[in-house]
Protein backbone atom coordinates (compact mmCIF):
# COMPACT_ATOMS: atom_id res chain seq x y z
CA MET A 1 -58.18 -32.76 -87.47
CA LEU A 2 -55.41 -32.82 -90.06
CA GLN A 3 -53.31 -35.31 -88.11
CA ARG A 4 -54.89 -38.65 -87.22
CA PRO A 5 -52.17 -41.10 -86.13
CA ARG A 6 -54.72 -43.91 -86.06
CA ARG A 7 -54.78 -43.92 -89.86
CA ASN A 8 -51.42 -45.67 -89.74
CA ARG A 9 -52.85 -48.34 -87.42
CA LYS A 10 -56.05 -49.17 -89.28
CA SER A 11 -54.94 -52.49 -90.80
CA GLU A 12 -52.33 -55.17 -90.19
CA VAL A 13 -50.70 -54.43 -93.56
CA ILE A 14 -50.25 -50.75 -92.71
CA ARG A 15 -49.15 -51.49 -89.15
CA GLN A 16 -46.41 -53.75 -90.50
CA MET A 17 -45.46 -51.18 -93.13
CA VAL A 18 -44.71 -48.49 -90.52
CA GLN A 19 -43.28 -50.77 -87.82
CA GLU A 20 -40.09 -49.21 -86.49
CA THR A 21 -38.47 -52.14 -84.66
CA HIS A 22 -38.04 -55.71 -85.90
CA VAL A 23 -36.73 -58.90 -84.31
CA SER A 24 -35.19 -61.54 -86.56
CA ALA A 25 -33.36 -64.82 -86.10
CA ALA A 26 -30.11 -62.97 -86.80
CA ASN A 27 -30.61 -60.94 -83.59
CA LEU A 28 -30.97 -64.00 -81.33
CA ILE A 29 -28.35 -65.99 -79.41
CA PHE A 30 -29.56 -69.19 -77.73
CA PRO A 31 -27.93 -70.11 -74.37
CA LEU A 32 -27.42 -73.87 -73.99
CA PHE A 33 -26.47 -75.82 -70.86
CA ILE A 34 -24.09 -78.79 -71.03
CA VAL A 35 -23.63 -81.78 -68.71
CA ASP A 36 -21.27 -84.72 -68.84
CA GLY A 37 -22.34 -88.21 -69.86
CA GLU A 38 -24.23 -89.65 -72.82
CA ASN A 39 -27.84 -89.33 -73.93
CA GLN A 40 -28.56 -86.84 -71.16
CA LYS A 41 -31.39 -84.32 -71.45
CA THR A 42 -32.78 -83.04 -68.18
CA GLU A 43 -35.14 -80.10 -67.81
CA VAL A 44 -34.20 -77.22 -65.54
CA ALA A 45 -37.04 -77.18 -63.00
CA SER A 46 -37.13 -73.38 -62.71
CA MET A 47 -36.90 -72.88 -66.50
CA PRO A 48 -39.65 -74.88 -68.25
CA GLY A 49 -38.62 -75.90 -71.75
CA ILE A 50 -34.90 -75.43 -71.10
CA PHE A 51 -32.65 -78.49 -70.72
CA ARG A 52 -29.15 -79.58 -69.77
CA TYR A 53 -27.65 -81.61 -72.63
CA SER A 54 -24.82 -84.11 -72.86
CA ILE A 55 -22.62 -83.40 -75.87
CA ASP A 56 -24.36 -85.94 -78.14
CA ASN A 57 -27.76 -84.36 -77.45
CA LEU A 58 -26.26 -80.88 -77.61
CA LEU A 59 -25.31 -81.58 -81.22
CA ARG A 60 -28.84 -82.72 -81.97
CA GLU A 61 -30.23 -79.54 -80.42
CA VAL A 62 -27.87 -77.30 -82.37
CA ASP A 63 -28.82 -79.11 -85.58
CA SER A 64 -32.50 -78.59 -84.82
CA CYS A 65 -31.93 -74.89 -84.20
CA LEU A 66 -29.87 -74.40 -87.36
CA ASN A 67 -32.73 -75.90 -89.37
CA LEU A 68 -34.97 -73.19 -87.94
CA GLY A 69 -32.54 -70.43 -88.92
CA LEU A 70 -31.08 -69.94 -85.42
CA LYS A 71 -27.31 -69.82 -85.87
CA SER A 72 -25.74 -68.39 -82.70
CA PHE A 73 -25.29 -70.24 -79.41
CA ASP A 74 -23.82 -69.40 -76.01
CA LEU A 75 -22.60 -72.49 -74.16
CA PHE A 76 -22.60 -72.91 -70.36
CA PRO A 77 -21.20 -75.95 -68.49
CA ASN A 78 -22.63 -77.75 -65.48
CA ILE A 79 -19.44 -79.01 -63.83
CA HIS A 80 -19.45 -81.78 -61.23
CA ASP A 81 -18.15 -80.68 -57.84
CA ASP A 82 -15.31 -83.20 -58.08
CA PHE A 83 -13.74 -81.06 -60.82
CA LYS A 84 -14.01 -77.74 -59.01
CA ASP A 85 -11.13 -76.11 -57.18
CA LYS A 86 -9.97 -72.75 -55.87
CA TYR A 87 -8.29 -71.75 -59.14
CA ALA A 88 -10.84 -73.14 -61.64
CA THR A 89 -8.18 -75.26 -63.34
CA GLU A 90 -10.86 -77.39 -64.99
CA SER A 91 -11.79 -74.35 -67.10
CA TYR A 92 -8.72 -74.75 -69.32
CA ARG A 93 -7.97 -78.48 -69.02
CA GLU A 94 -7.67 -79.84 -72.56
CA GLU A 95 -10.22 -82.65 -72.17
CA SER A 96 -12.70 -80.79 -69.97
CA LEU A 97 -16.42 -81.07 -70.72
CA TYR A 98 -16.64 -77.49 -71.94
CA LEU A 99 -13.71 -77.59 -74.37
CA ARG A 100 -14.90 -80.92 -75.77
CA ALA A 101 -18.34 -79.40 -76.33
CA ILE A 102 -16.95 -76.37 -78.17
CA ARG A 103 -14.82 -78.57 -80.42
CA ALA A 104 -17.72 -80.92 -81.11
CA VAL A 105 -20.10 -78.15 -82.15
CA LYS A 106 -17.56 -76.42 -84.39
CA LYS A 107 -16.49 -79.70 -86.00
CA GLU A 108 -20.06 -80.80 -86.71
CA PHE A 109 -21.45 -77.36 -87.55
CA PRO A 110 -18.67 -74.98 -88.66
CA GLU A 111 -21.32 -72.51 -89.80
CA ALA A 112 -22.64 -72.07 -86.24
CA CYS A 113 -21.47 -69.08 -84.23
CA VAL A 114 -20.24 -70.30 -80.85
CA VAL A 115 -20.09 -67.81 -77.98
CA THR A 116 -18.26 -68.97 -74.87
CA ASP A 117 -18.58 -67.86 -71.26
CA VAL A 118 -15.37 -66.78 -69.53
CA ALA A 119 -15.78 -66.73 -65.74
CA MET A 120 -14.52 -68.82 -62.86
CA ASP A 121 -17.80 -69.49 -61.07
CA PRO A 122 -18.87 -72.72 -62.89
CA TYR A 123 -15.48 -74.25 -62.07
CA SER A 124 -14.71 -72.65 -58.71
CA SER A 125 -15.09 -74.51 -55.43
CA ASP A 126 -16.00 -71.11 -53.94
CA GLY A 127 -18.68 -70.37 -56.57
CA HIS A 128 -17.29 -66.90 -57.24
CA ASP A 129 -16.07 -65.26 -60.44
CA GLY A 130 -12.62 -64.63 -59.02
CA ILE A 131 -9.96 -66.17 -56.81
CA VAL A 132 -10.95 -65.92 -53.15
CA GLU A 133 -8.49 -65.16 -50.35
CA ASN A 134 -9.71 -64.51 -46.81
CA GLY A 135 -13.18 -63.71 -48.10
CA GLU A 136 -11.93 -61.18 -50.66
CA ILE A 137 -12.26 -61.57 -54.43
CA LEU A 138 -8.81 -60.92 -55.90
CA ASN A 139 -8.98 -58.94 -59.12
CA ASP A 140 -5.54 -58.96 -60.75
CA GLU A 141 -4.69 -62.53 -59.77
CA THR A 142 -7.93 -63.68 -61.42
CA LEU A 143 -6.97 -62.19 -64.79
CA GLU A 144 -4.36 -64.89 -65.40
CA VAL A 145 -7.01 -67.60 -64.97
CA LEU A 146 -9.41 -65.77 -67.30
CA GLY A 147 -6.68 -65.40 -69.90
CA LYS A 148 -5.92 -69.13 -69.82
CA MET A 149 -9.62 -69.91 -70.09
CA ALA A 150 -10.18 -67.55 -73.04
CA LEU A 151 -7.17 -68.93 -74.88
CA ALA A 152 -8.37 -72.50 -74.36
CA HIS A 153 -11.77 -71.50 -75.80
CA ALA A 154 -10.17 -69.87 -78.83
CA ARG A 155 -8.00 -72.93 -79.49
CA SER A 156 -11.14 -75.08 -79.32
CA GLY A 157 -12.85 -73.01 -82.01
CA ALA A 158 -14.86 -70.31 -80.22
CA ASP A 159 -16.02 -67.48 -82.47
CA ILE A 160 -16.79 -65.01 -79.68
CA ILE A 161 -15.33 -64.93 -76.16
CA ALA A 162 -17.73 -63.47 -73.59
CA PRO A 163 -16.09 -62.56 -70.24
CA SER A 164 -18.89 -62.36 -67.67
CA ASP A 165 -16.83 -62.01 -64.50
CA MET A 166 -16.73 -58.18 -64.10
CA MET A 167 -13.08 -58.10 -63.00
CA ASP A 168 -11.40 -54.78 -63.77
CA GLY A 169 -9.10 -54.90 -66.79
CA ARG A 170 -10.07 -58.34 -67.97
CA VAL A 171 -11.03 -57.30 -71.52
CA GLY A 172 -7.60 -55.80 -72.17
CA TYR A 173 -5.85 -58.78 -70.59
CA ILE A 174 -7.85 -61.27 -72.67
CA ARG A 175 -7.43 -59.25 -75.87
CA LYS A 176 -3.64 -59.22 -75.46
CA THR A 177 -3.57 -62.92 -74.56
CA LEU A 178 -5.56 -63.83 -77.67
CA ASP A 179 -3.60 -61.53 -79.97
CA ASP A 180 -0.22 -62.73 -78.72
CA ALA A 181 -1.28 -66.33 -79.42
CA GLY A 182 -2.44 -65.55 -82.97
CA PHE A 183 -6.18 -65.32 -82.28
CA SER A 184 -6.71 -61.69 -83.24
CA HIS A 185 -9.74 -62.81 -85.29
CA VAL A 186 -11.63 -64.05 -82.20
CA SER A 187 -14.16 -61.47 -80.97
CA ILE A 188 -14.84 -60.34 -77.42
CA MET A 189 -18.41 -59.75 -76.28
CA SER A 190 -17.87 -58.13 -72.92
CA TYR A 191 -20.42 -58.24 -70.14
CA SER A 192 -19.83 -54.52 -69.65
CA ALA A 193 -22.74 -53.69 -67.37
CA LYS A 194 -23.56 -56.81 -65.41
CA TYR A 195 -25.69 -56.03 -62.39
CA ALA A 196 -25.92 -57.82 -59.04
CA SER A 197 -29.45 -58.88 -59.91
CA ALA A 198 -32.11 -61.02 -58.28
CA PHE A 199 -32.98 -62.44 -61.71
CA TYR A 200 -30.09 -64.94 -61.93
CA GLY A 201 -31.52 -67.60 -59.61
CA PRO A 202 -32.73 -70.15 -62.21
CA PHE A 203 -29.42 -69.90 -64.10
CA ARG A 204 -27.47 -70.77 -60.96
CA ASP A 205 -29.81 -73.72 -60.44
CA ALA A 206 -29.09 -74.88 -63.98
CA LEU A 207 -25.32 -74.82 -63.44
CA ASN A 208 -25.12 -75.46 -59.70
CA SER A 209 -22.87 -72.40 -59.53
CA ALA A 210 -24.22 -70.31 -56.67
CA PRO A 211 -21.61 -68.66 -54.41
CA LYS A 212 -20.67 -70.80 -51.42
CA PHE A 213 -20.64 -67.68 -49.23
CA GLY A 214 -21.59 -64.02 -49.45
CA ASP A 215 -22.72 -62.41 -52.69
CA LYS A 216 -21.25 -60.83 -55.83
CA LYS A 217 -21.84 -57.19 -55.01
CA THR A 218 -18.15 -56.26 -54.83
CA TYR A 219 -17.74 -56.95 -58.55
CA GLN A 220 -21.21 -56.93 -60.14
CA MET A 221 -22.87 -53.52 -60.43
CA ASN A 222 -25.37 -51.87 -58.10
CA PRO A 223 -28.83 -52.03 -59.74
CA ALA A 224 -29.40 -48.42 -58.70
CA ASN A 225 -26.58 -47.10 -60.90
CA GLN A 226 -26.84 -46.01 -64.51
CA ARG A 227 -23.93 -43.65 -65.23
CA GLU A 228 -21.50 -46.21 -63.83
CA ALA A 229 -22.44 -48.44 -66.77
CA LEU A 230 -20.93 -45.86 -69.11
CA ILE A 231 -17.62 -46.01 -67.23
CA GLU A 232 -17.55 -49.80 -67.59
CA ALA A 233 -18.59 -49.74 -71.26
CA ASN A 234 -16.06 -47.04 -72.18
CA LEU A 235 -13.24 -48.96 -70.50
CA ASP A 236 -14.19 -52.19 -72.28
CA GLU A 237 -14.31 -50.42 -75.63
CA LEU A 238 -10.86 -48.90 -75.05
CA GLU A 239 -9.52 -52.32 -74.03
CA GLY A 240 -10.63 -53.94 -77.29
CA ALA A 241 -14.18 -55.26 -76.86
CA ASP A 242 -16.15 -55.91 -80.06
CA PHE A 243 -19.60 -56.03 -78.38
CA LEU A 244 -20.80 -54.38 -75.16
CA MET A 245 -23.38 -56.34 -73.18
CA VAL A 246 -25.95 -55.35 -70.59
CA LYS A 247 -27.23 -58.01 -68.18
CA PRO A 248 -30.08 -58.39 -67.26
CA ALA A 249 -32.07 -56.84 -70.10
CA LEU A 250 -35.70 -56.25 -69.18
CA ALA A 251 -35.11 -54.30 -65.96
CA TYR A 252 -32.24 -52.35 -67.57
CA LEU A 253 -33.66 -51.09 -70.87
CA ASP A 254 -32.54 -47.58 -69.91
CA VAL A 255 -28.96 -48.81 -69.57
CA ILE A 256 -29.10 -50.53 -72.97
CA LYS A 257 -30.23 -47.26 -74.54
CA LEU A 258 -27.66 -45.22 -72.64
CA ILE A 259 -24.79 -47.39 -73.87
CA LYS A 260 -26.21 -47.58 -77.39
CA ASP A 261 -26.33 -43.78 -77.52
CA ASN A 262 -22.69 -43.53 -76.46
CA THR A 263 -20.90 -46.11 -78.61
CA GLU A 264 -20.55 -47.16 -82.21
CA LEU A 265 -20.04 -50.78 -81.17
CA PRO A 266 -22.92 -53.26 -81.32
CA VAL A 267 -24.74 -53.65 -78.01
CA ALA A 268 -25.90 -57.03 -76.73
CA ALA A 269 -28.39 -57.73 -73.94
CA TYR A 270 -28.99 -60.87 -71.90
CA ASN A 271 -32.68 -61.66 -71.37
CA VAL A 272 -31.81 -63.68 -68.29
CA SER A 273 -33.20 -66.82 -66.67
CA GLY A 274 -35.38 -65.04 -64.11
CA GLU A 275 -37.00 -62.91 -66.81
CA TYR A 276 -37.71 -66.06 -68.81
CA ALA A 277 -39.04 -67.89 -65.75
CA MET A 278 -41.44 -65.06 -64.89
CA ILE A 279 -43.14 -65.26 -68.28
CA LYS A 280 -43.28 -69.06 -68.19
CA ALA A 281 -44.81 -69.06 -64.70
CA ALA A 282 -47.43 -66.47 -65.68
CA VAL A 283 -48.28 -68.41 -68.85
CA GLN A 284 -48.65 -71.67 -66.91
CA ASN A 285 -51.09 -69.92 -64.60
CA GLY A 286 -53.09 -68.55 -67.52
CA TRP A 287 -52.21 -64.95 -66.70
CA LEU A 288 -50.41 -64.02 -69.95
CA ASN A 289 -50.59 -64.80 -73.64
CA GLU A 290 -47.16 -66.35 -74.23
CA GLN A 291 -46.64 -65.24 -77.82
CA ARG A 292 -47.65 -61.64 -77.21
CA ALA A 293 -45.71 -61.32 -73.94
CA THR A 294 -42.55 -62.91 -75.34
CA MET A 295 -42.50 -60.82 -78.48
CA GLU A 296 -43.26 -57.65 -76.53
CA VAL A 297 -40.25 -58.32 -74.30
CA LEU A 298 -37.89 -59.09 -77.18
CA THR A 299 -39.11 -56.11 -79.20
CA SER A 300 -38.60 -53.80 -76.23
CA ILE A 301 -34.99 -54.99 -75.89
CA ARG A 302 -34.39 -54.34 -79.59
CA ARG A 303 -36.16 -50.98 -79.36
CA ALA A 304 -33.86 -49.95 -76.52
CA GLY A 305 -30.89 -50.51 -78.81
CA ALA A 306 -29.70 -54.12 -78.53
CA THR A 307 -28.40 -55.64 -81.75
CA ALA A 308 -27.99 -59.10 -80.24
CA ILE A 309 -30.25 -60.68 -77.60
CA LEU A 310 -29.21 -63.71 -75.59
CA THR A 311 -32.55 -65.29 -74.77
CA TYR A 312 -33.97 -68.65 -73.73
CA HIS A 313 -37.00 -67.84 -75.90
CA ALA A 314 -34.90 -68.00 -79.09
CA LYS A 315 -35.83 -71.47 -80.31
CA GLU A 316 -39.53 -71.37 -79.40
CA VAL A 317 -39.93 -68.02 -81.18
CA LEU A 318 -38.71 -69.58 -84.43
CA LEU A 319 -40.33 -72.98 -83.90
CA ASN A 320 -43.73 -71.36 -83.38
CA LYS A 321 -43.18 -68.84 -86.20
CA TRP A 322 -43.77 -65.85 -83.90
CA LEU A 323 -41.43 -63.54 -85.86
């Protein structure tokens, strides 16, 4: 035999030499949950190793991550029900928990890249990503709220705005709102293909943001559809997005590749809470090797075409020197 592919696998040195896909700290974005109060750090029961932090402890966590070489963070607020209403007005109130957290991180660590979540559900008394009237999610009326939210984030120091709501036209609306206010330098990482997935459960536990009725299938995508993701991604690109995101990641590697093959923009993928929880549960039961399983998942997401990966594994990967 003239061709023996195993020759390129015969030692660790050679395997590393010919490795096609690499994961580095620069590819990782660490989602962090925020709660009000002081000296708060409570573990999310369905996400072992992941915590809700008050702002003082959030700053300590960001500092710890930066020392490991992890520099990008996506912040998510756990809002008390007393502050929730039909129009999510808490989302752009000047002294809200979320805006205070953004300002605190950027003041303390200007070198950190702060990604912010733009969607109504953490602040909505209905638990949906849009304004609800008679059981219907109103698209165009919601855009005004999203624009106010995005502008408040930009004024607080956000580097990247990430609309996760899946309302039609929201990228263009937010882009114009930011540009008109002098924030043309603030990026938009659009959740372009966000599916109505079963893998979001632990995240909703972490934020107490589950819908109060119904589901999100009228605005999040049907998991059975692939080509529809191209429609969404193309529209977001035309409307001014800087990144196109696929969520979830692991069950949608084909969608990541499809979008990557059809855009010159960087593609992001969200390795979501349910995907994280599955690995943690299997590891706790002794069914999987955590390092190998985690790195296989992250490598597969990179291999599919994702430049940036939002993942709850980000810190442990660096802390344990798995890269």
